[in-house]
PDB file of N, CA and C in Angstrom:
ATOM      1  N   MET A   1       0.839  -1.167   0.000  1.00  0.00           N
ATOM      2  CA  MET A   1       0.000   0.000   0.000  1.00  0.00           C
ATOM      3  C   MET A   1       0.892   1.241   0.000  1.00  0.00           C
ATOM      4  N   ILE A   2       0.654   2.147  -0.894  1.00  0.00           N
ATOM      5  CA  ILE A   2       1.407   3.394  -0.967  1.00  0.00           C
ATOM      6  C   ILE A   2       0.984   4.299   0.176  1.00  0.00           C
ATOM      7  N   SER A   3       1.971   4.939   0.794  1.00  0.00           N
ATOM      8  CA  SER A   3       1.695   5.892   1.868  1.00  0.00           C
ATOM      9  C   SER A   3       2.669   7.056   1.740  1.00  0.00           C
ATOM     10  N   PRO A   4       2.194   8.265   1.956  1.00  0.00           N
ATOM     11  CA  PRO A   4       3.084   9.430   1.899  1.00  0.00           C
ATOM     12  C   PRO A   4       3.825   9.673   3.207  1.00  0.00           C
ATOM     13  N   CYS A   5       3.628   8.831   4.204  1.00  0.00           N
ATOM     14  CA  CYS A   5       4.213   9.035   5.532  1.00  0.00           C
ATOM     15  C   CYS A   5       5.740   9.033   5.452  1.00  0.00           C
ATOM     16  N   ILE A   6       6.343  10.039   6.098  1.00  0.00           N
ATOM     17  CA  ILE A   6       7.803  10.089   6.198  1.00  0.00           C
ATOM     18  C   ILE A   6       8.237  10.069   7.665  1.00  0.00           C
ATOM     19  N   LEU A   7       7.346   9.618   8.543  1.00  0.00           N
ATOM     20  CA  LEU A   7       7.608   9.483   9.968  1.00  0.00           C
ATOM     21  C   LEU A   7       7.891  10.810  10.659  1.00  0.00           C
ATOM     22  N   VAL A   8       7.279  11.876  10.177  1.00  0.00           N
ATOM     23  CA  VAL A   8       7.291  13.173  10.840  1.00  0.00           C
ATOM     24  C   VAL A   8       5.838  13.461  11.172  1.00  0.00           C
ATOM     25  N   CYS A   9       5.380  12.893  12.260  1.00  0.00           N
ATOM     26  CA  CYS A   9       3.962  12.940  12.588  1.00  0.00           C
ATOM     27  C   CYS A   9       3.658  14.049  13.579  1.00  0.00           C
ATOM     28  N   ALA A  10       3.371  15.217  13.043  1.00  0.00           N
ATOM     29  CA  ALA A  10       2.984  16.370  13.856  1.00  0.00           C
ATOM     30  C   ALA A  10       2.045  17.210  13.006  1.00  0.00           C
ATOM     31  N   ILE A  11       0.964  17.676  13.619  1.00  0.00           N
ATOM     32  CA  ILE A  11      -0.065  18.407  12.885  1.00  0.00           C
ATOM     33  C   ILE A  11       0.125  19.908  13.063  1.00  0.00           C
ATOM     34  N   ASP A  12       0.073  20.644  11.954  1.00  0.00           N
ATOM     35  CA  ASP A  12       0.116  22.104  11.965  1.00  0.00           C
ATOM     36  C   ASP A  12      -1.222  22.598  12.505  1.00  0.00           C
ATOM     37  N   ASP A  13      -1.192  23.340  13.609  1.00  0.00           N
ATOM     38  CA  ASP A  13      -2.434  23.809  14.226  1.00  0.00           C
ATOM     39  C   ASP A  13      -3.234  24.740  13.313  1.00  0.00           C
ATOM     40  N   ARG A  14      -2.555  25.496  12.481  1.00  0.00           N
ATOM     41  CA  ARG A  14      -3.242  26.454  11.621  1.00  0.00           C
ATOM     42  C   ARG A  14      -3.997  25.775  10.481  1.00  0.00           C
ATOM     43  N   THR A  15      -3.353  24.816   9.818  1.00  0.00           N
ATOM     44  CA  THR A  15      -3.970  24.191   8.640  1.00  0.00           C
ATOM     45  C   THR A  15      -4.646  22.857   8.941  1.00  0.00           C
ATOM     46  N   GLY A  16      -4.194  22.164   9.975  1.00  0.00           N
ATOM     47  CA  GLY A  16      -4.705  20.829  10.263  1.00  0.00           C
ATOM     48  C   GLY A  16      -4.015  19.737   9.468  1.00  0.00           C
ATOM     49  N   TYR A  17      -2.941  20.087   8.755  1.00  0.00           N
ATOM     50  CA  TYR A  17      -2.198  19.117   7.944  1.00  0.00           C
ATOM     51  C   TYR A  17      -0.941  18.671   8.681  1.00  0.00           C
ATOM     52  N   CYS A  18      -0.554  17.419   8.456  1.00  0.00           N
ATOM     53  CA  CYS A  18       0.687  16.889   9.012  1.00  0.00           C
ATOM     54  C   CYS A  18       1.875  17.598   8.357  1.00  0.00           C
ATOM     55  N   PHE A  19       2.855  17.991   9.183  1.00  0.00           N
ATOM     56  CA  PHE A  19       4.062  18.639   8.661  1.00  0.00           C
ATOM     57  C   PHE A  19       4.830  17.727   7.708  1.00  0.00           C
ATOM     58  N   GLY A  20       4.775  16.423   7.943  1.00  0.00           N
ATOM     59  CA  GLY A  20       5.547  15.483   7.135  1.00  0.00           C
ATOM     60  C   GLY A  20       4.890  15.098   5.834  1.00  0.00           C
ATOM     61  N   CYS A  21       3.609  14.722   5.895  1.00  0.00           N
ATOM     62  CA  CYS A  21       2.968  14.169   4.692  1.00  0.00           C
ATOM     63  C   CYS A  21       1.862  15.040   4.113  1.00  0.00           C
ATOM     64  N   GLY A  22       1.299  15.931   4.913  1.00  0.00           N
ATOM     65  CA  GLY A  22       0.247  16.810   4.407  1.00  0.00           C
ATOM     66  C   GLY A  22      -1.172  16.293   4.610  1.00  0.00           C
ATOM     67  N   ARG A  23      -1.300  15.095   5.193  1.00  0.00           N
ATOM     68  CA  ARG A  23      -2.650  14.569   5.416  1.00  0.00           C
ATOM     69  C   ARG A  23      -3.250  15.140   6.690  1.00  0.00           C
ATOM     70  N   THR A  24      -4.583  15.054   6.791  1.00  0.00           N
ATOM     71  CA  THR A  24      -5.276  15.447   8.007  1.00  0.00           C
ATOM     72  C   THR A  24      -5.263  14.278   8.984  1.00  0.00           C
ATOM     73  N   ARG A  25      -5.628  14.549  10.242  1.00  0.00           N
ATOM     74  CA  ARG A  25      -5.717  13.466  11.232  1.00  0.00           C
ATOM     75  C   ARG A  25      -6.684  12.378  10.763  1.00  0.00           C
ATOM     76  N   ASP A  26      -7.840  12.799  10.244  1.00  0.00           N
ATOM     77  CA  ASP A  26      -8.839  11.830   9.786  1.00  0.00           C
ATOM     78  C   ASP A  26      -8.302  10.981   8.636  1.00  0.00           C
ATOM     79  N   GLU A  27      -7.592  11.606   7.702  1.00  0.00           N
ATOM     80  CA  GLU A  27      -7.025  10.854   6.581  1.00  0.00           C
ATOM     81  C   GLU A  27      -5.971   9.865   7.056  1.00  0.00           C
ATOM     82  N   ILE A  28      -5.145  10.282   8.003  1.00  0.00           N
ATOM     83  CA  ILE A  28      -4.121   9.388   8.541  1.00  0.00           C
ATOM     84  C   ILE A  28      -4.785   8.192   9.218  1.00  0.00           C
ATOM     85  N   ALA A  29      -5.792   8.466  10.038  1.00  0.00           N
ATOM     86  CA  ALA A  29      -6.468   7.404  10.782  1.00  0.00           C
ATOM     87  C   ALA A  29      -7.205   6.435   9.859  1.00  0.00           C
ATOM     88  N   SER A  30      -7.715   6.926   8.748  1.00  0.00           N
ATOM     89  CA  SER A  30      -8.527   6.096   7.845  1.00  0.00           C
ATOM     90  C   SER A  30      -7.752   5.537   6.663  1.00  0.00           C
ATOM     91  N   TRP A  31      -6.470   5.847   6.567  1.00  0.00           N
ATOM     92  CA  TRP A  31      -5.681   5.523   5.378  1.00  0.00           C
ATOM     93  C   TRP A  31      -5.796   4.058   4.966  1.00  0.00           C
ATOM     94  N   THR A  32      -5.728   3.145   5.922  1.00  0.00           N
ATOM     95  CA  THR A  32      -5.754   1.723   5.576  1.00  0.00           C
ATOM     96  C   THR A  32      -7.124   1.254   5.119  1.00  0.00           C
ATOM     97  N   THR A  33      -8.154   2.034   5.375  1.00  0.00           N
ATOM     98  CA  THR A  33      -9.503   1.651   4.926  1.00  0.00           C
ATOM     99  C   THR A  33      -9.887   2.324   3.623  1.00  0.00           C
ATOM    100  N   PHE A  34      -9.083   3.278   3.154  1.00  0.00           N
ATOM    101  CA  PHE A  34      -9.364   3.964   1.896  1.00  0.00           C
ATOM    102  C   PHE A  34      -9.155   3.013   0.718  1.00  0.00           C
ATOM    103  N   THR A  35      -9.895   3.245  -0.338  1.00  0.00           N
ATOM    104  CA  THR A  35      -9.659   2.517  -1.583  1.00  0.00           C
ATOM    105  C   THR A  35      -8.407   3.092  -2.246  1.00  0.00           C
ATOM    106  N   ASP A  36      -7.863   2.378  -3.218  1.00  0.00           N
ATOM    107  CA  ASP A  36      -6.707   2.898  -3.956  1.00  0.00           C
ATOM    108  C   ASP A  36      -7.034   4.253  -4.568  1.00  0.00           C
ATOM    109  N   ARG A  37      -8.238   4.401  -5.096  1.00  0.00           N
ATOM    110  CA  ARG A  37      -8.652   5.668  -5.720  1.00  0.00           C
ATOM    111  C   ARG A  37      -8.686   6.793  -4.690  1.00  0.00           C
ATOM    112  N   GLN A  38      -9.218   6.522  -3.511  1.00  0.00           N
ATOM    113  CA  GLN A  38      -9.259   7.542  -2.461  1.00  0.00           C
ATOM    114  C   GLN A  38      -7.851   7.964  -2.054  1.00  0.00           C
ATOM    115  N   ARG A  39      -6.948   6.990  -1.917  1.00  0.00           N
ATOM    116  CA  ARG A  39      -5.567   7.320  -1.564  1.00  0.00           C
ATOM    117  C   ARG A  39      -4.914   8.155  -2.650  1.00  0.00           C
ATOM    118  N   ARG A  40      -5.112   7.783  -3.912  1.00  0.00           N
ATOM    119  CA  ARG A  40      -4.545   8.567  -5.023  1.00  0.00           C
ATOM    120  C   ARG A  40      -5.104   9.989  -5.022  1.00  0.00           C
ATOM    121  N   ASP A  41      -6.406  10.124  -4.788  1.00  0.00           N
ATOM    122  CA  ASP A  41      -7.025  11.455  -4.764  1.00  0.00           C
ATOM    123  C   ASP A  41      -6.403  12.335  -3.683  1.00  0.00           C
ATOM    124  N   VAL A  42      -6.214  11.769  -2.496  1.00  0.00           N
ATOM    125  CA  VAL A  42      -5.593  12.533  -1.410  1.00  0.00           C
ATOM    126  C   VAL A  42      -4.154  12.870  -1.772  1.00  0.00           C
ATOM    127  N   MET A  43      -3.417  11.900  -2.294  1.00  0.00           N
ATOM    128  CA  MET A  43      -2.006  12.126  -2.605  1.00  0.00           C
ATOM    129  C   MET A  43      -1.803  13.220  -3.653  1.00  0.00           C
ATOM    130  N   GLU A  44      -2.761  13.384  -4.543  1.00  0.00           N
ATOM    131  CA  GLU A  44      -2.662  14.447  -5.540  1.00  0.00           C
ATOM    132  C   GLU A  44      -2.738  15.832  -4.908  1.00  0.00           C
ATOM    133  N   THR A  45      -3.380  15.943  -3.753  1.00  0.00           N
ATOM    134  CA  THR A  45      -3.530  17.244  -3.090  1.00  0.00           C
ATOM    135  C   THR A  45      -2.364  17.588  -2.168  1.00  0.00           C
ATOM    136  N   LEU A  46      -1.532  16.603  -1.837  1.00  0.00           N
ATOM    137  CA  LEU A  46      -0.518  16.805  -0.809  1.00  0.00           C
ATOM    138  C   LEU A  46       0.536  17.863  -1.131  1.00  0.00           C
ATOM    139  N   PRO A  47       1.086  17.932  -2.345  1.00  0.00           N
ATOM    140  CA  PRO A  47       2.093  18.976  -2.596  1.00  0.00           C
ATOM    141  C   PRO A  47       1.560  20.386  -2.328  1.00  0.00           C
ATOM    142  N   ALA A  48       0.343  20.666  -2.747  1.00  0.00           N
ATOM    143  CA  ALA A  48      -0.233  21.995  -2.511  1.00  0.00           C
ATOM    144  C   ALA A  48      -0.484  22.223  -1.021  1.00  0.00           C
ATOM    145  N   ARG A  49      -0.926  21.198  -0.327  1.00  0.00           N
ATOM    146  CA  ARG A  49      -1.156  21.325   1.110  1.00  0.00           C
ATOM    147  C   ARG A  49       0.136  21.635   1.853  1.00  0.00           C
ATOM    148  N   LEU A  50       1.200  20.919   1.498  1.00  0.00           N
ATOM    149  CA  LEU A  50       2.471  21.109   2.198  1.00  0.00           C
ATOM    150  C   LEU A  50       3.019  22.522   2.005  1.00  0.00           C
ATOM    151  N   GLU A  51       2.638  23.174   0.933  1.00  0.00           N
ATOM    152  CA  GLU A  51       3.054  24.560   0.710  1.00  0.00           C
ATOM    153  C   GLU A  51       2.388  25.506   1.703  1.00  0.00           C
ATOM    154  N   THR A  52       1.272  25.087   2.312  1.00  0.00           N
ATOM    155  CA  THR A  52       0.522  25.974   3.200  1.00  0.00           C
ATOM    156  C   THR A  52       0.837  25.794   4.679  1.00  0.00           C
ATOM    157  N   VAL A  53       1.556  24.724   5.046  1.00  0.00           N
ATOM    158  CA  VAL A  53       1.835  24.513   6.466  1.00  0.00           C
ATOM    159  C   VAL A  53       2.915  25.466   6.944  1.00  0.00           C
ATOM    160  N   GLU A  54       2.793  25.866   8.197  1.00  0.00           N
ATOM    161  CA  GLU A  54       3.811  26.711   8.802  1.00  0.00           C
ATOM    162  C   GLU A  54       4.926  25.802   9.273  1.00  0.00           C
ATOM    163  N   ARG A  55       6.075  25.961   8.696  1.00  0.00           N
ATOM    164  CA  ARG A  55       7.199  25.071   9.003  1.00  0.00           C
ATOM    165  C   ARG A  55       7.741  25.327  10.400  1.00  0.00           C
ATOM    166  N   LYS A  56       7.850  24.263  11.159  1.00  0.00           N
ATOM    167  CA  LYS A  56       8.498  24.322  12.464  1.00  0.00           C
ATOM    168  C   LYS A  56       9.975  24.031  12.243  1.00  0.00           C
ATOM    169  N   PRO A  57      10.803  24.379  13.222  1.00  0.00           N
ATOM    170  CA  PRO A  57      12.219  23.990  13.095  1.00  0.00           C
ATOM    171  C   PRO A  57      12.322  22.477  12.923  1.00  0.00           C
ATOM    172  N   ARG A  58      13.211  22.043  12.070  1.00  0.00           N
ATOM    173  CA  ARG A  58      13.355  20.618  11.777  1.00  0.00           C
ATOM    174  C   ARG A  58      13.754  19.859  13.036  1.00  0.00           C
ATOM    175  N   ARG A  59      13.082  18.781  13.284  1.00  0.00           N
ATOM    176  CA  ARG A  59      13.433  17.935  14.414  1.00  0.00           C
ATOM    177  C   ARG A  59      13.857  16.578  13.887  1.00  0.00           C
ATOM    178  N   GLU A  60      14.546  15.845  14.707  1.00  0.00           N
ATOM    179  CA  GLU A  60      14.990  14.530  14.298  1.00  0.00           C
ATOM    180  C   GLU A  60      13.788  13.609  14.151  1.00  0.00           C
ATOM    181  N   THR A  61      13.676  12.944  13.013  1.00  0.00           N
ATOM    182  CA  THR A  61      12.580  12.018  12.792  1.00  0.00           C
ATOM    183  C   THR A  61      12.948  10.648  13.333  1.00  0.00           C
ATOM    184  N   LYS A  62      11.953   9.810  13.502  1.00  0.00           N
ATOM    185  CA  LYS A  62      12.192   8.449  13.978  1.00  0.00           C
ATOM    186  C   LYS A  62      13.121   7.716  13.018  1.00  0.00           C
ATOM    187  N   ARG A  63      12.906   7.895  11.728  1.00  0.00           N
ATOM    188  CA  ARG A  63      13.742   7.234  10.720  1.00  0.00           C
ATOM    189  C   ARG A  63      15.195   7.670  10.850  1.00  0.00           C
ATOM    190  N   THR A  64      15.421   8.962  11.019  1.00  0.00           N
ATOM    191  CA  THR A  64      16.780   9.481  11.160  1.00  0.00           C
ATOM    192  C   THR A  64      17.426   8.976  12.441  1.00  0.00           C
ATOM    193  N   ARG A  65      16.659   8.978  13.545  1.00  0.00           N
ATOM    194  CA  ARG A  65      17.184   8.509  14.824  1.00  0.00           C
ATOM    195  C   ARG A  65      17.580   7.039  14.737  1.00  0.00           C
ATOM    196  N   LEU A  66      16.732   6.206  14.139  1.00  0.00           N
ATOM    197  CA  LEU A  66      17.049   4.783  14.018  1.00  0.00           C
ATOM    198  C   LEU A  66      18.297   4.562  13.168  1.00  0.00           C
ATOM    199  N   ALA A  67      18.423   5.316  12.082  1.00  0.00           N
ATOM    200  CA  ALA A  67      19.602   5.195  11.229  1.00  0.00           C
ATOM    201  C   ALA A  67      20.860   5.617  11.994  1.00  0.00           C
ATOM    202  N   ARG A  68      20.759   6.704  12.751  1.00  0.00           N
ATOM    203  CA  ARG A  68      21.898   7.176  13.549  1.00  0.00           C
ATOM    204  C   ARG A  68      22.284   6.129  14.595  1.00  0.00           C
ATOM    205  N   GLU A  69      21.296   5.546  15.255  1.00  0.00           N
ATOM    206  CA  GLU A  69      21.575   4.524  16.266  1.00  0.00           C
ATOM    207  C   GLU A  69      22.199   3.279  15.653  1.00  0.00           C
ATOM    208  N   ARG A  70      21.745   2.878  14.457  1.00  0.00           N
ATOM    209  CA  ARG A  70      22.355   1.726  13.787  1.00  0.00           C
ATOM    210  C   ARG A  70      23.800   2.007  13.411  1.00  0.00           C
ATOM    211  N   ALA A  71      24.036   3.224  12.948  1.00  0.00           N
ATOM    212  CA  ALA A  71      25.396   3.583  12.517  1.00  0.00           C
ATOM    213  C   ALA A  71      26.370   3.636  13.687  1.00  0.00           C
ATOM    214  N   SER A  72      25.892   4.004  14.865  1.00  0.00           N
ATOM    215  CA  SER A  72      26.783   4.123  16.015  1.00  0.00           C
ATOM    216  C   SER A  72      26.957   2.807  16.766  1.00  0.00           C
ATOM    217  N   SER A  73      26.217   1.775  16.368  1.00  0.00           N
ATOM    218  CA  SER A  73      26.322   0.464  17.058  1.00  0.00           C
ATOM    219  C   SER A  73      27.510  -0.326  16.586  1.00  0.00           C
TER     220      SER A  73
END
């Protein structure tokens, strides 16, 4: 299943979109129940949505932290 998630799960209070992927809380919660068409429809809107979020200072993502921990082991 295609997912736009990049493991930066935080919602912009102003827009209601995730800083990482651009989806809403409801879309994130329902993603696995969406049809392929519904997922494609949402994914088409994500680039424009991400342009509207207020960027917070970059924080370490789970993916980055795990990679860093693997590299230091």
